[in-house]
C-alpha atoms as a PDB file:
ATOM      1  CA  UNK A   1     130.913 149.512  55.462  1.00  0.00           C
ATOM      2  CA  UNK A   2     128.575 148.613  58.227  1.00  0.00           C
ATOM      3  CA  UNK A   3     129.490 146.820  61.422  1.00  0.00           C
ATOM      4  CA  UNK A   4     127.049 145.522  63.969  1.00  0.00           C
ATOM      5  CA  UNK A   5     127.531 143.957  67.340  1.00  0.00           C
ATOM      6  CA  UNK A   6     128.119 140.217  67.207  1.00  0.00           C
ATOM      7  CA  UNK A   7     125.007 138.441  68.525  1.00  0.00           C
ATOM      8  CA  UNK A   8     126.371 134.941  68.854  1.00  0.00           C
ATOM      9  CA  UNK A   9     129.130 133.249  70.793  1.00  0.00           C
ATOM     10  CA  UNK A  10     131.449 132.499  67.874  1.00  0.00           C
ATOM     11  CA  UNK A  11     133.218 135.368  66.142  1.00  0.00           C
ATOM     12  CA  UNK A  12     131.521 137.014  63.162  1.00  0.00           C
ATOM     13  CA  UNK A  13     134.640 138.872  62.080  1.00  0.00           C
ATOM     14  CA  UNK A  14     134.691 138.426  58.295  1.00  0.00           C
ATOM     15  CA  UNK A  15     137.299 139.754  55.877  1.00  0.00           C
ATOM     16  CA  UNK A  16     136.512 139.677  52.159  1.00  0.00           C
ATOM     17  CA  UNK A  17     138.866 140.292  49.232  1.00  0.00           C
ATOM     18  CA  UNK A  18     137.633 140.517  45.656  1.00  0.00           C
ATOM     19  CA  UNK A  19     138.277 141.563  42.076  1.00  0.00           C
ATOM     20  CA  UNK A  20     136.564 141.685  38.690  1.00  0.00           C
ATOM     21  CA  UNK A  21     138.411 142.472  35.477  1.00  0.00           C
ATOM     22  CA  UNK A  22     138.013 142.465  31.681  1.00  0.00           C
ATOM     23  CA  UNK A  23     140.759 139.862  31.309  1.00  0.00           C
ATOM     24  CA  UNK A  24     143.275 140.199  28.496  1.00  0.00           C
ATOM     25  CA  UNK A  25     140.963 139.861  25.467  1.00  0.00           C
ATOM     26  CA  UNK A  26     137.418 141.095  26.210  1.00  0.00           C
ATOM     27  CA  UNK A  27     136.598 144.775  25.665  1.00  0.00           C
ATOM     28  CA  UNK A  28     133.862 144.823  28.315  1.00  0.00           C
ATOM     29  CA  UNK A  29     133.165 143.104  31.621  1.00  0.00           C
ATOM     30  CA  UNK A  30     129.901 141.154  31.842  1.00  0.00           C
ATOM     31  CA  UNK A  31     130.611 139.947  35.403  1.00  0.00           C
ATOM     32  CA  UNK A  32     129.130 141.504  38.540  1.00  0.00           C
ATOM     33  CA  UNK A  33     129.911 140.974  42.224  1.00  0.00           C
ATOM     34  CA  UNK A  34     127.688 141.191  45.288  1.00  0.00           C
ATOM     35  CA  UNK A  35     129.386 141.511  48.681  1.00  0.00           C
ATOM     36  CA  UNK A  36     126.899 142.307  51.422  1.00  0.00           C
ATOM     37  CA  UNK A  37     125.295 145.572  50.329  1.00  0.00           C
ATOM     38  CA  UNK A  38     128.112 146.328  47.879  1.00  0.00           C
ATOM     39  CA  UNK A  39     127.263 145.726  44.196  1.00  0.00           C
ATOM     40  CA  UNK A  40     130.099 146.007  41.680  1.00  0.00           C
ATOM     41  CA  UNK A  41     129.127 145.951  37.998  1.00  0.00           C
ATOM     42  CA  UNK A  42     130.269 147.045  34.528  1.00  0.00           C
ATOM     43  CA  UNK A  43     133.784 147.933  35.647  1.00  0.00           C
ATOM     44  CA  UNK A  44     137.324 146.537  35.545  1.00  0.00           C
ATOM     45  CA  UNK A  45     139.411 146.602  38.723  1.00  0.00           C
ATOM     46  CA  UNK A  46     143.185 146.991  38.427  1.00  0.00           C
ATOM     47  CA  UNK A  47     143.729 145.729  41.971  1.00  0.00           C
ATOM     48  CA  UNK A  48     141.729 143.741  44.501  1.00  0.00           C
ATOM     49  CA  UNK A  49     139.269 145.333  46.903  1.00  0.00           C
ATOM     50  CA  UNK A  50     138.624 144.764  50.618  1.00  0.00           C
ATOM     51  CA  UNK A  51     135.417 144.520  52.646  1.00  0.00           C
ATOM     52  CA  UNK A  52     135.208 143.949  56.389  1.00  0.00           C
ATOM     53  CA  UNK A  53     132.086 143.196  58.398  1.00  0.00           C
ATOM     54  CA  UNK A  54     130.920 141.804  61.701  1.00  0.00           C
ATOM     55  CA  UNK A  55     127.377 141.251  60.485  1.00  0.00           C
ATOM     56  CA  UNK A  56     125.780 137.974  61.586  1.00  0.00           C
ATOM     57  CA  UNK A  57     124.423 137.304  58.076  1.00  0.00           C
ATOM     58  CA  UNK A  58     126.071 138.184  54.765  1.00  0.00           C
ATOM     59  CA  UNK A  59     125.660 137.107  51.157  1.00  0.00           C
ATOM     60  CA  UNK A  60     128.406 137.105  48.506  1.00  0.00           C
ATOM     61  CA  UNK A  61     127.918 136.196  44.857  1.00  0.00           C
ATOM     62  CA  UNK A  62     129.674 136.223  41.479  1.00  0.00           C
ATOM     63  CA  UNK A  63     127.430 136.539  38.402  1.00  0.00           C
ATOM     64  CA  UNK A  64     128.689 136.012  34.857  1.00  0.00           C
ATOM     65  CA  UNK A  65     126.555 137.623  32.154  1.00  0.00           C
ATOM     66  CA  UNK A  66     125.709 135.706  28.976  1.00  0.00           C
ATOM     67  CA  UNK A  67     123.967 136.409  25.657  1.00  0.00           C
ATOM     68  CA  UNK A  68     121.604 139.240  24.926  1.00  0.00           C
ATOM     69  CA  UNK A  69     123.470 141.142  22.184  1.00  0.00           C
ATOM     70  CA  UNK A  70     126.526 141.569  24.406  1.00  0.00           C
ATOM     71  CA  UNK A  71     124.445 142.947  27.276  1.00  0.00           C
ATOM     72  CA  UNK A  72     125.564 140.321  29.789  1.00  0.00           C
ATOM     73  CA  UNK A  73     126.607 143.059  32.202  1.00  0.00           C
ATOM     74  CA  UNK A  74     122.970 144.208  32.312  1.00  0.00           C
ATOM     75  CA  UNK A  75     121.826 140.684  33.186  1.00  0.00           C
ATOM     76  CA  UNK A  76     124.363 140.126  35.951  1.00  0.00           C
ATOM     77  CA  UNK A  77     123.578 143.556  37.422  1.00  0.00           C
ATOM     78  CA  UNK A  78     119.794 143.073  37.363  1.00  0.00           C
ATOM     79  CA  UNK A  79     119.956 139.632  38.991  1.00  0.00           C
ATOM     80  CA  UNK A  80     122.369 140.668  41.749  1.00  0.00           C
ATOM     81  CA  UNK A  81     120.372 143.857  42.368  1.00  0.00           C
ATOM     82  CA  UNK A  82     117.328 141.666  43.048  1.00  0.00           C
ATOM     83  CA  UNK A  83     119.357 139.421  45.358  1.00  0.00           C
ATOM     84  CA  UNK A  84     120.656 142.452  47.257  1.00  0.00           C
ATOM     85  CA  UNK A  85     117.118 143.747  47.687  1.00  0.00           C
ATOM     86  CA  UNK A  86     115.964 140.385  49.068  1.00  0.00           C
ATOM     87  CA  UNK A  87     119.118 139.590  51.086  1.00  0.00           C
ATOM     88  CA  UNK A  88     117.585 140.148  54.524  1.00  0.00           C
ATOM     89  CA  UNK A  89     114.892 137.563  53.730  1.00  0.00           C
ATOM     90  CA  UNK A  90     117.177 134.826  52.352  1.00  0.00           C
ATOM     91  CA  UNK A  91     117.282 132.025  54.936  1.00  0.00           C
ATOM     92  CA  UNK A  92     117.037 128.819  52.868  1.00  0.00           C
ATOM     93  CA  UNK A  93     116.775 127.438  49.322  1.00  0.00           C
ATOM     94  CA  UNK A  94     113.145 128.500  48.973  1.00  0.00           C
ATOM     95  CA  UNK A  95     113.790 132.155  49.837  1.00  0.00           C
ATOM     96  CA  UNK A  96     116.938 132.157  47.689  1.00  0.00           C
ATOM     97  CA  UNK A  97     114.929 130.870  44.715  1.00  0.00           C
ATOM     98  CA  UNK A  98     112.397 133.622  45.371  1.00  0.00           C
ATOM     99  CA  UNK A  99     115.128 136.268  45.077  1.00  0.00           C
ATOM    100  CA  UNK A 100     116.407 134.719  41.844  1.00  0.00           C
ATOM    101  CA  UNK A 101     112.842 134.577  40.490  1.00  0.00           C
ATOM    102  CA  UNK A 102     112.624 138.322  41.100  1.00  0.00           C
ATOM    103  CA  UNK A 103     115.875 138.751  39.171  1.00  0.00           C
ATOM    104  CA  UNK A 104     114.499 136.614  36.346  1.00  0.00           C
ATOM    105  CA  UNK A 105     111.358 138.762  36.256  1.00  0.00           C
ATOM    106  CA  UNK A 106     113.564 141.854  35.863  1.00  0.00           C
ATOM    107  CA  UNK A 107     115.309 140.166  32.929  1.00  0.00           C
ATOM    108  CA  UNK A 108     111.964 139.266  31.331  1.00  0.00           C
ATOM    109  CA  UNK A 109     110.907 142.900  31.583  1.00  0.00           C
ATOM    110  CA  UNK A 110     114.195 144.074  30.063  1.00  0.00           C
ATOM    111  CA  UNK A 111     113.814 141.633  27.147  1.00  0.00           C
ATOM    112  CA  UNK A 112     110.240 142.830  26.634  1.00  0.00           C
ATOM    113  CA  UNK A 113     111.547 146.402  26.310  1.00  0.00           C
ATOM    114  CA  UNK A 114     114.643 145.394  24.301  1.00  0.00           C
ATOM    115  CA  UNK A 115     113.686 142.437  22.014  1.00  0.00           C
ATOM    116  CA  UNK A 116     117.222 142.288  20.604  1.00  0.00           C
ATOM    117  CA  UNK A 117     118.365 141.020  24.038  1.00  0.00           C
ATOM    118  CA  UNK A 118     116.317 137.821  23.830  1.00  0.00           C
ATOM    119  CA  UNK A 119     119.125 135.597  25.183  1.00  0.00           C
ATOM    120  CA  UNK A 120     119.942 137.858  28.127  1.00  0.00           C
ATOM    121  CA  UNK A 121     120.981 135.983  31.271  1.00  0.00           C
ATOM    122  CA  UNK A 122     123.731 135.069  33.692  1.00  0.00           C
ATOM    123  CA  UNK A 123     125.309 132.162  35.488  1.00  0.00           C
ATOM    124  CA  UNK A 124     126.173 132.646  39.139  1.00  0.00           C
ATOM    125  CA  UNK A 125     127.535 131.180  42.349  1.00  0.00           C
ATOM    126  CA  UNK A 126     127.348 132.468  45.875  1.00  0.00           C
ATOM    127  CA  UNK A 127     127.223 131.794  49.569  1.00  0.00           C
ATOM    128  CA  UNK A 128     124.891 133.036  52.293  1.00  0.00           C
ATOM    129  CA  UNK A 129     126.649 132.950  55.664  1.00  0.00           C
ATOM    130  CA  UNK A 130     124.111 132.874  58.490  1.00  0.00           C
ATOM    131  CA  UNK A 131     126.053 132.697  61.743  1.00  0.00           C
ATOM    132  CA  UNK A 132     127.357 129.149  62.110  1.00  0.00           C
ATOM    133  CA  UNK A 133     125.586 127.886  58.955  1.00  0.00           C
ATOM    134  CA  UNK A 134     126.112 128.670  55.267  1.00  0.00           C
ATOM    135  CA  UNK A 135     124.065 128.051  52.139  1.00  0.00           C
ATOM    136  CA  UNK A 136     126.257 127.708  49.024  1.00  0.00           C
ATOM    137  CA  UNK A 137     124.602 127.716  45.600  1.00  0.00           C
ATOM    138  CA  UNK A 138     125.133 127.982  41.859  1.00  0.00           C
ATOM    139  CA  UNK A 139     123.377 127.975  38.502  1.00  0.00           C
ATOM    140  CA  UNK A 140     125.709 127.346  35.583  1.00  0.00           C
ATOM    141  CA  UNK A 141     129.479 127.037  35.856  1.00  0.00           C
ATOM    142  CA  UNK A 142     130.514 129.633  38.432  1.00  0.00           C
ATOM    143  CA  UNK A 143     131.833 127.886  41.544  1.00  0.00           C
ATOM    144  CA  UNK A 144     132.156 128.007  45.330  1.00  0.00           C
ATOM    145  CA  UNK A 145     135.125 126.337  47.001  1.00  0.00           C
ATOM    146  CA  UNK A 146     135.775 125.712  50.677  1.00  0.00           C
ATOM    147  CA  UNK A 147     139.477 125.993  51.492  1.00  0.00           C
ATOM    148  CA  UNK A 148     140.723 123.438  54.024  1.00  0.00           C
ATOM    149  CA  UNK A 149     144.335 124.292  54.792  1.00  0.00           C
ATOM    150  CA  UNK A 150     145.459 124.771  51.188  1.00  0.00           C
ATOM    151  CA  UNK A 151     143.032 122.243  49.661  1.00  0.00           C
ATOM    152  CA  UNK A 152     140.305 123.730  47.447  1.00  0.00           C
ATOM    153  CA  UNK A 153     137.155 121.637  47.910  1.00  0.00           C
ATOM    154  CA  UNK A 154     134.528 122.468  45.281  1.00  0.00           C
ATOM    155  CA  UNK A 155     131.217 122.479  47.148  1.00  0.00           C
ATOM    156  CA  UNK A 156     128.963 123.507  44.268  1.00  0.00           C
ATOM    157  CA  UNK A 157     128.240 121.463  41.139  1.00  0.00           C
ATOM    158  CA  UNK A 158     128.520 122.878  37.622  1.00  0.00           C
ATOM    159  CA  UNK A 159     125.535 122.801  35.313  1.00  0.00           C
ATOM    160  CA  UNK A 160     127.410 122.260  32.047  1.00  0.00           C
ATOM    161  CA  UNK A 161     128.042 119.820  29.229  1.00  0.00           C
ATOM    162  CA  UNK A 162     131.637 119.248  30.352  1.00  0.00           C
ATOM    163  CA  UNK A 163     130.510 118.511  33.916  1.00  0.00           C
ATOM    164  CA  UNK A 164     128.229 115.775  32.579  1.00  0.00           C
ATOM    165  CA  UNK A 165     131.078 114.379  30.459  1.00  0.00           C
ATOM    166  CA  UNK A 166     133.364 114.398  33.501  1.00  0.00           C
ATOM    167  CA  UNK A 167     130.798 112.590  35.663  1.00  0.00           C
ATOM    168  CA  UNK A 168     130.419 109.965  32.934  1.00  0.00           C
ATOM    169  CA  UNK A 169     134.192 109.408  33.002  1.00  0.00           C
ATOM    170  CA  UNK A 170     134.648 110.601  29.410  1.00  0.00           C
ATOM    171  CA  UNK A 171     136.961 113.512  30.253  1.00  0.00           C
ATOM    172  CA  UNK A 172     139.139 114.389  33.256  1.00  0.00           C
ATOM    173  CA  UNK A 173     138.663 117.411  35.494  1.00  0.00           C
ATOM    174  CA  UNK A 174     141.591 119.166  33.832  1.00  0.00           C
ATOM    175  CA  UNK A 175     140.242 118.389  30.340  1.00  0.00           C
ATOM    176  CA  UNK A 176     137.078 120.294  31.265  1.00  0.00           C
ATOM    177  CA  UNK A 177     139.121 123.513  31.025  1.00  0.00           C
ATOM    178  CA  UNK A 178     140.006 123.021  27.349  1.00  0.00           C
ATOM    179  CA  UNK A 179     137.071 121.072  25.913  1.00  0.00           C
ATOM    180  CA  UNK A 180     135.412 122.757  22.866  1.00  0.00           C
ATOM    181  CA  UNK A 181     132.053 122.695  24.683  1.00  0.00           C
ATOM    182  CA  UNK A 182     133.429 124.143  27.925  1.00  0.00           C
ATOM    183  CA  UNK A 183     131.188 127.214  27.678  1.00  0.00           C
ATOM    184  CA  UNK A 184     127.906 125.335  27.112  1.00  0.00           C
ATOM    185  CA  UNK A 185     125.879 125.613  30.331  1.00  0.00           C
ATOM    186  CA  UNK A 186     122.664 123.808  31.205  1.00  0.00           C
ATOM    187  CA  UNK A 187     121.311 126.304  33.734  1.00  0.00           C
ATOM    188  CA  UNK A 188     121.251 130.069  34.115  1.00  0.00           C
ATOM    189  CA  UNK A 189     119.006 132.898  35.265  1.00  0.00           C
ATOM    190  CA  UNK A 190     117.678 134.139  31.930  1.00  0.00           C
ATOM    191  CA  UNK A 191     114.930 136.213  30.359  1.00  0.00           C
ATOM    192  CA  UNK A 192     113.887 133.250  28.255  1.00  0.00           C
ATOM    193  CA  UNK A 193     110.158 133.273  29.003  1.00  0.00           C
ATOM    194  CA  UNK A 194     110.356 129.897  30.769  1.00  0.00           C
ATOM    195  CA  UNK A 195     109.342 130.220  34.450  1.00  0.00           C
ATOM    196  CA  UNK A 196     110.952 126.860  35.310  1.00  0.00           C
ATOM    197  CA  UNK A 197     114.326 127.307  33.589  1.00  0.00           C
ATOM    198  CA  UNK A 198     116.415 127.957  36.742  1.00  0.00           C
ATOM    199  CA  UNK A 199     118.135 124.779  37.942  1.00  0.00           C
ATOM    200  CA  UNK A 200     119.770 125.698  41.228  1.00  0.00           C
ATOM    201  CA  UNK A 201     122.289 123.597  43.109  1.00  0.00           C
ATOM    202  CA  UNK A 202     122.348 124.285  46.865  1.00  0.00           C
ATOM    203  CA  UNK A 203     124.164 122.810  49.832  1.00  0.00           C
ATOM    204  CA  UNK A 204     123.902 123.779  53.485  1.00  0.00           C
ATOM    205  CA  UNK A 205     127.087 123.392  55.527  1.00  0.00           C
ATOM    206  CA  UNK A 206     128.268 124.228  59.052  1.00  0.00           C
ATOM    207  CA  UNK A 207     130.684 127.170  59.345  1.00  0.00           C
ATOM    208  CA  UNK A 208     133.655 127.134  61.702  1.00  0.00           C
ATOM    209  CA  UNK A 209     135.282 130.255  63.131  1.00  0.00           C
ATOM    210  CA  UNK A 210     138.286 130.128  60.815  1.00  0.00           C
ATOM    211  CA  UNK A 211     136.641 128.920  57.580  1.00  0.00           C
ATOM    212  CA  UNK A 212     137.664 130.346  54.199  1.00  0.00           C
ATOM    213  CA  UNK A 213     135.529 130.291  51.039  1.00  0.00           C
ATOM    214  CA  UNK A 214     136.424 131.142  47.437  1.00  0.00           C
ATOM    215  CA  UNK A 215     133.866 132.069  44.764  1.00  0.00           C
ATOM    216  CA  UNK A 216     134.827 132.483  41.114  1.00  0.00           C
ATOM    217  CA  UNK A 217     133.524 132.642  37.555  1.00  0.00           C
ATOM    218  CA  UNK A 218     134.555 130.138  34.899  1.00  0.00           C
ATOM    219  CA  UNK A 219     137.155 132.613  33.645  1.00  0.00           C
ATOM    220  CA  UNK A 220     139.212 131.819  36.762  1.00  0.00           C
ATOM    221  CA  UNK A 221     138.954 128.035  36.886  1.00  0.00           C
ATOM    222  CA  UNK A 222     139.415 127.962  33.131  1.00  0.00           C
ATOM    223  CA  UNK A 223     142.680 129.873  33.536  1.00  0.00           C
ATOM    224  CA  UNK A 224     144.052 127.933  36.537  1.00  0.00           C
ATOM    225  CA  UNK A 225     143.979 124.224  37.280  1.00  0.00           C
ATOM    226  CA  UNK A 226     142.855 122.989  40.692  1.00  0.00           C
ATOM    227  CA  UNK A 227     146.489 122.291  41.604  1.00  0.00           C
ATOM    228  CA  UNK A 228     147.600 125.752  40.505  1.00  0.00           C
ATOM    229  CA  UNK A 229     144.990 127.451  42.699  1.00  0.00           C
ATOM    230  CA  UNK A 230     146.268 125.452  45.666  1.00  0.00           C
ATOM    231  CA  UNK A 231     149.924 126.206  44.892  1.00  0.00           C
ATOM    232  CA  UNK A 232     149.244 129.949  44.720  1.00  0.00           C
ATOM    233  CA  UNK A 233     147.219 129.838  47.941  1.00  0.00           C
ATOM    234  CA  UNK A 234     149.955 127.864  49.677  1.00  0.00           C
ATOM    235  CA  UNK A 235     152.324 130.803  49.154  1.00  0.00           C
ATOM    236  CA  UNK A 236     149.944 133.753  49.390  1.00  0.00           C
ATOM    237  CA  UNK A 237     146.948 134.422  51.605  1.00  0.00           C
ATOM    238  CA  UNK A 238     144.191 137.008  51.839  1.00  0.00           C
ATOM    239  CA  UNK A 239     144.503 140.070  49.653  1.00  0.00           C
ATOM    240  CA  UNK A 240     147.909 138.991  48.377  1.00  0.00           C
ATOM    241  CA  UNK A 241     146.337 135.789  47.010  1.00  0.00           C
ATOM    242  CA  UNK A 242     143.778 137.819  45.052  1.00  0.00           C
ATOM    243  CA  UNK A 243     146.470 140.183  43.765  1.00  0.00           C
ATOM    244  CA  UNK A 244     148.648 137.305  42.553  1.00  0.00           C
ATOM    245  CA  UNK A 245     145.668 135.550  40.958  1.00  0.00           C
ATOM    246  CA  UNK A 246     144.562 138.693  39.126  1.00  0.00           C
ATOM    247  CA  UNK A 247     148.078 139.459  37.898  1.00  0.00           C
ATOM    248  CA  UNK A 248     148.716 135.882  36.774  1.00  0.00           C
ATOM    249  CA  UNK A 249     145.397 135.646  34.900  1.00  0.00           C
ATOM    250  CA  UNK A 250     146.171 138.814  32.941  1.00  0.00           C
ATOM    251  CA  UNK A 251     149.736 137.621  32.274  1.00  0.00           C
ATOM    252  CA  UNK A 252     148.280 134.391  30.879  1.00  0.00           C
ATOM    253  CA  UNK A 253     146.151 136.441  28.470  1.00  0.00           C
ATOM    254  CA  UNK A 254     142.855 135.348  30.056  1.00  0.00           C
ATOM    255  CA  UNK A 255     140.344 135.164  27.210  1.00  0.00           C
ATOM    256  CA  UNK A 256     137.318 135.644  29.475  1.00  0.00           C
ATOM    257  CA  UNK A 257     136.320 138.086  32.186  1.00  0.00           C
ATOM    258  CA  UNK A 258     137.894 137.149  35.518  1.00  0.00           C
ATOM    259  CA  UNK A 259     136.146 137.610  38.871  1.00  0.00           C
ATOM    260  CA  UNK A 260     136.599 136.162  42.342  1.00  0.00           C
ATOM    261  CA  UNK A 261     135.702 136.654  46.001  1.00  0.00           C
ATOM    262  CA  UNK A 262     137.754 135.289  48.942  1.00  0.00           C
ATOM    263  CA  UNK A 263     135.876 135.153  52.269  1.00  0.00           C
ATOM    264  CA  UNK A 264     137.804 134.612  55.507  1.00  0.00           C
ATOM    265  CA  UNK A 265     136.224 134.125  58.903  1.00  0.00           C
ATOM    266  CA  UNK A 266     138.527 135.082  61.732  1.00  0.00           C
ATOM    267  CA  UNK A 267     138.510 134.509  65.488  1.00  0.00           C
ATOM    268  CA  UNK A 268     140.244 137.867  65.985  1.00  0.00           C
END
């Protein structure tokens, strides 16, 4: 995995831990991960992986495939492949949208060639770290958290029916995890023939030398409450946190695919 000389005064030492797994019920994994130039798709990891870089800019993303005659893994792979190909040009929301539009075009082409996959698409969440600035984003109900001490601050905003119900005060944050419409999303990157269907949430934030970010699909936050994530992180850090999270999700008979990326900046 590539390393380049740090070109700015603050440290660019970044350690990344990650996993993607079937869960305890699904027979396939429709999730894909993008970590720098590394694309992980259509596989199930039994233990967490590790990626180290000193690159000034890096993008990480979790994509959760949906629809398309159980070809969600194709959708998540095609969209993240497009993002990887455009990564060097992603500097802001406009260039990020351009990369997602390219992914959407790839989905449209796939649907054209495979009409049975008419609902092919994916939700996603990611972060572009650009030196001392980061652009976090999502479409759908995958999430990015910023970890302050042990507090998990959700910095993206779900596009979902339950998010709207929560904002209206009808259900609590914890009730979102069990609501019968929990899986109904209001934005995705899909081959639906609508050029304006991507609703993208973005937020630009400053990055400190020792910041930590956590990206996950809905299979993770559906399996663990906010408080539980913080309790696990309070006891375990880095790769051990990912290992404990993966093991606990499987032990809880996670009904969905489970994928996560933990990004740690270090002054070392």
